[in-house]
């Protein structure tokens, strides 16, 4: 009976160790994910601004071209 209890305690300690390792890995991955998400938000914002600027310039070129035709 004592042998079984020792075996069960070893299993519980191993499981607890694995849970702690997985929890730490989860924290690291969550942190990396949050950093990547923040970078993507910045890139998206800059891309949106650049697109708006290009569209505004394109509109101006089209308008000037249209005025020159007439």
PDB file of N, CA and C in Angstrom:
ATOM      1  N   UNK A   1       0.838  -1.198   0.000  1.00  0.00           N
ATOM      2  CA  UNK A   1       0.000   0.000   0.000  1.00  0.00           C
ATOM      3  C   UNK A   1       0.878   1.255   0.000  1.00  0.00           C
ATOM      4  N   UNK A   2       1.948   1.213   0.783  1.00  0.00           N
ATOM      5  CA  UNK A   2       2.832   2.379   0.873  1.00  0.00           C
ATOM      6  C   UNK A   2       3.507   2.644  -0.466  1.00  0.00           C
ATOM      7  N   UNK A   3       3.834   1.578  -1.186  1.00  0.00           N
ATOM      8  CA  UNK A   3       4.442   1.715  -2.502  1.00  0.00           C
ATOM      9  C   UNK A   3       3.506   2.406  -3.477  1.00  0.00           C
ATOM     10  N   UNK A   4       2.235   2.063  -3.393  1.00  0.00           N
ATOM     11  CA  UNK A   4       1.248   2.694  -4.270  1.00  0.00           C
ATOM     12  C   UNK A   4       1.112   4.177  -3.954  1.00  0.00           C
ATOM     13  N   UNK A   5       1.150   4.503  -2.670  1.00  0.00           N
ATOM     14  CA  UNK A   5       1.037   5.912  -2.258  1.00  0.00           C
ATOM     15  C   UNK A   5       2.245   6.705  -2.765  1.00  0.00           C
ATOM     16  N   UNK A   6       3.435   6.111  -2.653  1.00  0.00           N
ATOM     17  CA  UNK A   6       4.644   6.781  -3.155  1.00  0.00           C
ATOM     18  C   UNK A   6       4.540   7.007  -4.662  1.00  0.00           C
ATOM     19  N   UNK A   7       4.056   5.998  -5.366  1.00  0.00           N
ATOM     20  CA  UNK A   7       3.892   6.094  -6.815  1.00  0.00           C
ATOM     21  C   UNK A   7       2.899   7.197  -7.176  1.00  0.00           C
ATOM     22  N   UNK A   8       1.791   7.249  -6.465  1.00  0.00           N
ATOM     23  CA  UNK A   8       0.772   8.280  -6.709  1.00  0.00           C
ATOM     24  C   UNK A   8       1.337   9.669  -6.413  1.00  0.00           C
ATOM     25  N   UNK A   9       2.100   9.799  -5.332  1.00  0.00           N
ATOM     26  CA  UNK A   9       2.706  11.091  -4.997  1.00  0.00           C
ATOM     27  C   UNK A   9       3.700  11.514  -6.075  1.00  0.00           C
ATOM     28  N   UNK A  10       4.475  10.562  -6.595  1.00  0.00           N
ATOM     29  CA  UNK A  10       5.418  10.884  -7.662  1.00  0.00           C
ATOM     30  C   UNK A  10       4.679  11.352  -8.915  1.00  0.00           C
ATOM     31  N   UNK A  11       3.600  10.660  -9.224  1.00  0.00           N
ATOM     32  CA  UNK A  11       2.799  11.076 -10.384  1.00  0.00           C
ATOM     33  C   UNK A  11       2.229  12.476 -10.198  1.00  0.00           C
ATOM     34  N   UNK A  12       1.733  12.751  -9.000  1.00  0.00           N
ATOM     35  CA  UNK A  12       1.171  14.079  -8.726  1.00  0.00           C
ATOM     36  C   UNK A  12       2.243  15.162  -8.817  1.00  0.00           C
ATOM     37  N   UNK A  13       3.430  14.875  -8.306  1.00  0.00           N
ATOM     38  CA  UNK A  13       4.525  15.849  -8.385  1.00  0.00           C
ATOM     39  C   UNK A  13       4.932  16.086  -9.833  1.00  0.00           C
ATOM     40  N   UNK A  14       4.986  15.006 -10.615  1.00  0.00           N
ATOM     41  CA  UNK A  14       5.340  15.131 -12.030  1.00  0.00           C
ATOM     42  C   UNK A  14       4.272  15.930 -12.776  1.00  0.00           C
ATOM     43  N   UNK A  15       3.017  15.650 -12.486  1.00  0.00           N
ATOM     44  CA  UNK A  15       1.922  16.389 -13.123  1.00  0.00           C
ATOM     45  C   UNK A  15       1.977  17.867 -12.753  1.00  0.00           C
ATOM     46  N   UNK A  16       2.255  18.141 -11.477  1.00  0.00           N
ATOM     47  CA  UNK A  16       2.348  19.526 -11.017  1.00  0.00           C
ATOM     48  C   UNK A  16       3.501  20.234 -11.713  1.00  0.00           C
ATOM     49  N   UNK A  17       4.618  19.537 -11.868  1.00  0.00           N
ATOM     50  CA  UNK A  17       5.772  20.105 -12.561  1.00  0.00           C
ATOM     51  C   UNK A  17       5.428  20.399 -14.019  1.00  0.00           C
ATOM     52  N   UNK A  18       4.729  19.461 -14.660  1.00  0.00           N
ATOM     53  CA  UNK A  18       4.329  19.666 -16.055  1.00  0.00           C
ATOM     54  C   UNK A  18       3.364  20.833 -16.190  1.00  0.00           C
ATOM     55  N   UNK A  19       2.449  20.943 -15.255  1.00  0.00           N
ATOM     56  CA  UNK A  19       1.484  22.056 -15.276  1.00  0.00           C
ATOM     57  C   UNK A  19       2.210  23.386 -15.130  1.00  0.00           C
ATOM     58  N   UNK A  20       3.184  23.454 -14.233  1.00  0.00           N
ATOM     59  CA  UNK A  20       3.957  24.687 -14.054  1.00  0.00           C
ATOM     60  C   UNK A  20       4.735  25.031 -15.318  1.00  0.00           C
ATOM     61  N   UNK A  21       5.345  24.026 -15.942  1.00  0.00           N
ATOM     62  CA  UNK A  21       6.100  24.266 -17.179  1.00  0.00           C
ATOM     63  C   UNK A  21       5.172  24.763 -18.282  1.00  0.00           C
ATOM     64  N   UNK A  22       4.009  24.151 -18.410  1.00  0.00           N
ATOM     65  CA  UNK A  22       3.055  24.580 -19.434  1.00  0.00           C
ATOM     66  C   UNK A  22       2.514  25.981 -19.153  1.00  0.00           C
ATOM     67  N   UNK A  23       2.304  26.281 -17.889  1.00  0.00           N
ATOM     68  CA  UNK A  23       1.830  27.619 -17.518  1.00  0.00           C
ATOM     69  C   UNK A  23       2.873  28.670 -17.878  1.00  0.00           C
ATOM     70  N   UNK A  24       4.145  28.376 -17.595  1.00  0.00           N
ATOM     71  CA  UNK A  24       5.217  29.317 -17.942  1.00  0.00           C
ATOM     72  C   UNK A  24       5.325  29.487 -19.450  1.00  0.00           C
ATOM     73  N   UNK A  25       5.231  28.380 -20.185  1.00  0.00           N
ATOM     74  CA  UNK A  25       5.286  28.454 -21.644  1.00  0.00           C
ATOM     75  C   UNK A  25       4.099  29.253 -22.176  1.00  0.00           C
ATOM     76  N   UNK A  26       2.938  29.077 -21.584  1.00  0.00           N
ATOM     77  CA  UNK A  26       1.751  29.827 -21.990  1.00  0.00           C
ATOM     78  C   UNK A  26       1.955  31.324 -21.773  1.00  0.00           C
ATOM     79  N   UNK A  27       2.554  31.683 -20.655  1.00  0.00           N
ATOM     80  CA  UNK A  27       2.819  33.110 -20.385  1.00  0.00           C
ATOM     81  C   UNK A  27       3.752  33.694 -21.436  1.00  0.00           C
ATOM     82  N   UNK A  28       4.809  32.947 -21.763  1.00  0.00           N
ATOM     83  CA  UNK A  28       5.762  33.432 -22.767  1.00  0.00           C
ATOM     84  C   UNK A  28       5.085  33.599 -24.124  1.00  0.00           C
ATOM     85  N   UNK A  29       4.314  32.598 -24.516  1.00  0.00           N
ATOM     86  CA  UNK A  29       3.639  32.666 -25.812  1.00  0.00           C
ATOM     87  C   UNK A  29       2.589  33.767 -25.855  1.00  0.00           C
ATOM     88  N   UNK A  30       1.897  33.971 -24.744  1.00  0.00           N
ATOM     89  CA  UNK A  30       0.912  35.049 -24.674  1.00  0.00           C
ATOM     90  C   UNK A  30       1.593  36.400 -24.838  1.00  0.00           C
ATOM     91  N   UNK A  31       2.734  36.564 -24.186  1.00  0.00           N
ATOM     92  CA  UNK A  31       3.487  37.813 -24.302  1.00  0.00           C
ATOM     93  C   UNK A  31       3.937  38.039 -25.743  1.00  0.00           C
ATOM     94  N   UNK A  32       4.472  36.991 -26.379  1.00  0.00           N
ATOM     95  CA  UNK A  32       4.901  37.121 -27.772  1.00  0.00           C
ATOM     96  C   UNK A  32       3.722  37.444 -28.675  1.00  0.00           C
ATOM     97  N   UNK A  33       2.599  36.831 -28.412  1.00  0.00           N
ATOM     98  CA  UNK A  33       1.398  37.072 -29.208  1.00  0.00           C
ATOM     99  C   UNK A  33       0.931  38.516 -29.066  1.00  0.00           C
ATOM    100  N   UNK A  34       0.972  39.032 -27.858  1.00  0.00           N
ATOM    101  CA  UNK A  34       0.550  40.420 -27.637  1.00  0.00           C
ATOM    102  C   UNK A  34       1.479  41.391 -28.343  1.00  0.00           C
ATOM    103  N   UNK A  35       2.782  41.114 -28.336  1.00  0.00           N
ATOM    104  CA  UNK A  35       3.742  41.975 -29.034  1.00  0.00           C
ATOM    105  C   UNK A  35       3.485  41.936 -30.537  1.00  0.00           C
ATOM    106  N   UNK A  36       3.273  40.736 -31.070  1.00  0.00           N
ATOM    107  CA  UNK A  36       2.998  40.597 -32.500  1.00  0.00           C
ATOM    108  C   UNK A  36       1.705  41.317 -32.880  1.00  0.00           C
ATOM    109  N   UNK A  37       0.698  41.200 -32.032  1.00  0.00           N
ATOM    110  CA  UNK A  37      -0.581  41.874 -32.297  1.00  0.00           C
ATOM    111  C   UNK A  37      -0.388  43.386 -32.325  1.00  0.00           C
ATOM    112  N   UNK A  38       0.373  43.908 -31.386  1.00  0.00           N
ATOM    113  CA  UNK A  38       0.622  45.354 -31.343  1.00  0.00           C
ATOM    114  C   UNK A  38       1.354  45.805 -32.608  1.00  0.00           C
ATOM    115  N   UNK A  39       2.329  45.015 -33.044  1.00  0.00           N
ATOM    116  CA  UNK A  39       3.062  45.365 -34.261  1.00  0.00           C
ATOM    117  C   UNK A  39       2.140  45.360 -35.470  1.00  0.00           C
ATOM    118  N   UNK A  40       1.268  44.364 -35.555  1.00  0.00           N
ATOM    119  CA  UNK A  40       0.329  44.298 -36.669  1.00  0.00           C
ATOM    120  C   UNK A  40      -0.631  45.483 -36.674  1.00  0.00           C
ATOM    121  N   UNK A  41      -1.057  45.905 -35.491  1.00  0.00           N
ATOM    122  CA  UNK A  41      -1.941  47.076 -35.413  1.00  0.00           C
ATOM    123  C   UNK A  41      -1.236  48.312 -35.951  1.00  0.00           C
ATOM    124  N   UNK A  42       0.044  48.469 -35.604  1.00  0.00           N
ATOM    125  CA  UNK A  42       0.817  49.626 -36.081  1.00  0.00           C
ATOM    126  C   UNK A  42       0.969  49.571 -37.591  1.00  0.00           C
ATOM    127  N   UNK A  43       1.308  48.380 -38.106  1.00  0.00           N
ATOM    128  CA  UNK A  43       1.476  48.223 -39.551  1.00  0.00           C
ATOM    129  C   UNK A  43       0.164  48.512 -40.271  1.00  0.00           C
ATOM    130  N   UNK A  44      -0.928  47.991 -39.743  1.00  0.00           N
ATOM    131  CA  UNK A  44      -2.239  48.228 -40.360  1.00  0.00           C
ATOM    132  C   UNK A  44      -2.570  49.715 -40.374  1.00  0.00           C
ATOM    133  N   UNK A  45      -2.306  50.379 -39.253  1.00  0.00           N
ATOM    134  CA  UNK A  45      -2.597  51.811 -39.168  1.00  0.00           C
ATOM    135  C   UNK A  45      -1.768  52.591 -40.177  1.00  0.00           C
ATOM    136  N   UNK A  46      -0.477  52.266 -40.269  1.00  0.00           N
ATOM    137  CA  UNK A  46       0.384  52.965 -41.232  1.00  0.00           C
ATOM    138  C   UNK A  46      -0.046  52.661 -42.659  1.00  0.00           C
ATOM    139  N   UNK A  47      -0.427  51.408 -42.909  1.00  0.00           N
ATOM    140  CA  UNK A  47      -0.876  51.037 -44.249  1.00  0.00           C
ATOM    141  C   UNK A  47      -2.143  51.774 -44.633  1.00  0.00           C
ATOM    142  N   UNK A  48      -3.054  51.902 -43.697  1.00  0.00           N
ATOM    143  CA  UNK A  48      -4.301  52.625 -43.949  1.00  0.00           C
ATOM    144  C   UNK A  48      -4.026  54.090 -44.249  1.00  0.00           C
ATOM    145  N   UNK A  49      -3.119  54.679 -43.477  1.00  0.00           N
ATOM    146  CA  UNK A  49      -2.770  56.084 -43.714  1.00  0.00           C
ATOM    147  C   UNK A  49      -2.107  56.257 -45.074  1.00  0.00           C
ATOM    148  N   UNK A  50      -1.200  55.339 -45.414  1.00  0.00           N
ATOM    149  CA  UNK A  50      -0.509  55.425 -46.704  1.00  0.00           C
ATOM    150  C   UNK A  50      -1.506  55.273 -47.849  1.00  0.00           C
ATOM    151  N   UNK A  51      -2.438  54.336 -47.707  1.00  0.00           N
ATOM    152  CA  UNK A  51      -3.455  54.138 -48.740  1.00  0.00           C
ATOM    153  C   UNK A  51      -4.293  55.404 -48.911  1.00  0.00           C
ATOM    154  N   UNK A  52      -4.661  56.022 -47.797  1.00  0.00           N
ATOM    155  CA  UNK A  52      -5.464  57.251 -47.868  1.00  0.00           C
ATOM    156  C   UNK A  52      -4.698  58.358 -48.583  1.00  0.00           C
ATOM    157  N   UNK A  53      -3.413  58.457 -48.285  1.00  0.00           N
ATOM    158  CA  UNK A  53      -2.599  59.481 -48.935  1.00  0.00           C
ATOM    159  C   UNK A  53      -2.483  59.224 -50.435  1.00  0.00           C
ATOM    160  N   UNK A  54      -2.272  57.964 -50.811  1.00  0.00           N
ATOM    161  CA  UNK A  54      -2.171  57.619 -52.234  1.00  0.00           C
ATOM    162  C   UNK A  54      -3.478  57.908 -52.939  1.00  0.00           C
ATOM    163  N   UNK A  55      -4.580  57.579 -52.318  1.00  0.00           N
ATOM    164  CA  UNK A  55      -5.889  57.834 -52.928  1.00  0.00           C
ATOM    165  C   UNK A  55      -6.123  59.330 -53.084  1.00  0.00           C
ATOM    166  N   UNK A  56      -5.725  60.109 -52.101  1.00  0.00           N
ATOM    167  CA  UNK A  56      -5.904  61.561 -52.196  1.00  0.00           C
ATOM    168  C   UNK A  56      -5.066  62.129 -53.340  1.00  0.00           C
ATOM    169  N   UNK A  57      -3.831  61.655 -53.472  1.00  0.00           N
ATOM    170  CA  UNK A  57      -2.967  62.133 -54.554  1.00  0.00           C
ATOM    171  C   UNK A  57      -3.508  61.684 -55.913  1.00  0.00           C
ATOM    172  N   UNK A  58      -3.999  60.449 -55.956  1.00  0.00           N
ATOM    173  CA  UNK A  58      -4.577  59.942 -57.208  1.00  0.00           C
ATOM    174  C   UNK A  58      -5.785  60.777 -57.609  1.00  0.00           C
ATOM    175  N   UNK A  59      -6.601  61.119 -56.622  1.00  0.00           N
ATOM    176  CA  UNK A  59      -7.776  61.949 -56.897  1.00  0.00           C
ATOM    177  C   UNK A  59      -7.347  63.301 -57.449  1.00  0.00           C
ATOM    178  N   UNK A  60      -6.297  63.875 -56.872  1.00  0.00           N
ATOM    179  CA  UNK A  60      -5.807  65.173 -57.342  1.00  0.00           C
ATOM    180  C   UNK A  60      -5.281  65.067 -58.773  1.00  0.00           C
ATOM    181  N   UNK A  61      -4.553  63.992 -59.074  1.00  0.00           N
ATOM    182  CA  UNK A  61      -4.016  63.815 -60.426  1.00  0.00           C
ATOM    183  C   UNK A  61      -5.150  63.652 -61.426  1.00  0.00           C
ATOM    184  N   UNK A  62      -6.144  62.869 -61.065  1.00  0.00           N
ATOM    185  CA  UNK A  62      -7.291  62.672 -61.961  1.00  0.00           C
ATOM    186  C   UNK A  62      -8.033  63.985 -62.172  1.00  0.00           C
ATOM    187  N   UNK A  63      -8.206  64.745 -61.105  1.00  0.00           N
ATOM    188  CA  UNK A  63      -8.910  66.023 -61.207  1.00  0.00           C
ATOM    189  C   UNK A  63      -8.140  66.993 -62.096  1.00  0.00           C
ATOM    190  N   UNK A  64      -6.818  67.075 -61.900  1.00  0.00           N
ATOM    191  CA  UNK A  64      -5.997  67.977 -62.724  1.00  0.00           C
ATOM    192  C   UNK A  64      -6.036  67.526 -64.180  1.00  0.00           C
ATOM    193  N   UNK A  65      -5.941  66.224 -64.408  1.00  0.00           N
ATOM    194  CA  UNK A  65      -5.996  65.695 -65.779  1.00  0.00           C
ATOM    195  C   UNK A  65      -7.334  66.003 -66.419  1.00  0.00           C
ATOM    196  N   UNK A  66      -8.397  65.856 -65.659  1.00  0.00           N
ATOM    197  CA  UNK A  66      -9.728  66.135 -66.165  1.00  0.00           C
ATOM    198  C   UNK A  66      -9.874  67.617 -66.516  1.00  0.00           C
ATOM    199  N   UNK A  67      -9.342  68.482 -65.664  1.00  0.00           N
ATOM    200  CA  UNK A  67      -9.434  69.933 -65.914  1.00  0.00           C
ATOM    201  C   UNK A  67      -8.635  70.298 -67.156  1.00  0.00           C
ATOM    202  N   UNK A  68      -7.454  69.674 -67.352  1.00  0.00           N
ATOM    203  CA  UNK A  68      -6.622  69.987 -68.507  1.00  0.00           C
ATOM    204  C   UNK A  68      -7.290  69.554 -69.807  1.00  0.00           C
ATOM    205  N   UNK A  69      -8.069  68.474 -69.742  1.00  0.00           N
ATOM    206  CA  UNK A  69      -8.737  67.985 -70.947  1.00  0.00           C
ATOM    207  C   UNK A  69      -9.787  68.998 -71.392  1.00  0.00           C
ATOM    208  N   UNK A  70     -10.476  69.589 -70.459  1.00  0.00           N
ATOM    209  CA  UNK A  70     -11.559  70.510 -70.792  1.00  0.00           C
ATOM    210  C   UNK A  70     -11.042  71.882 -70.626  1.00  0.00           C
TER     211      UNK A  70
END
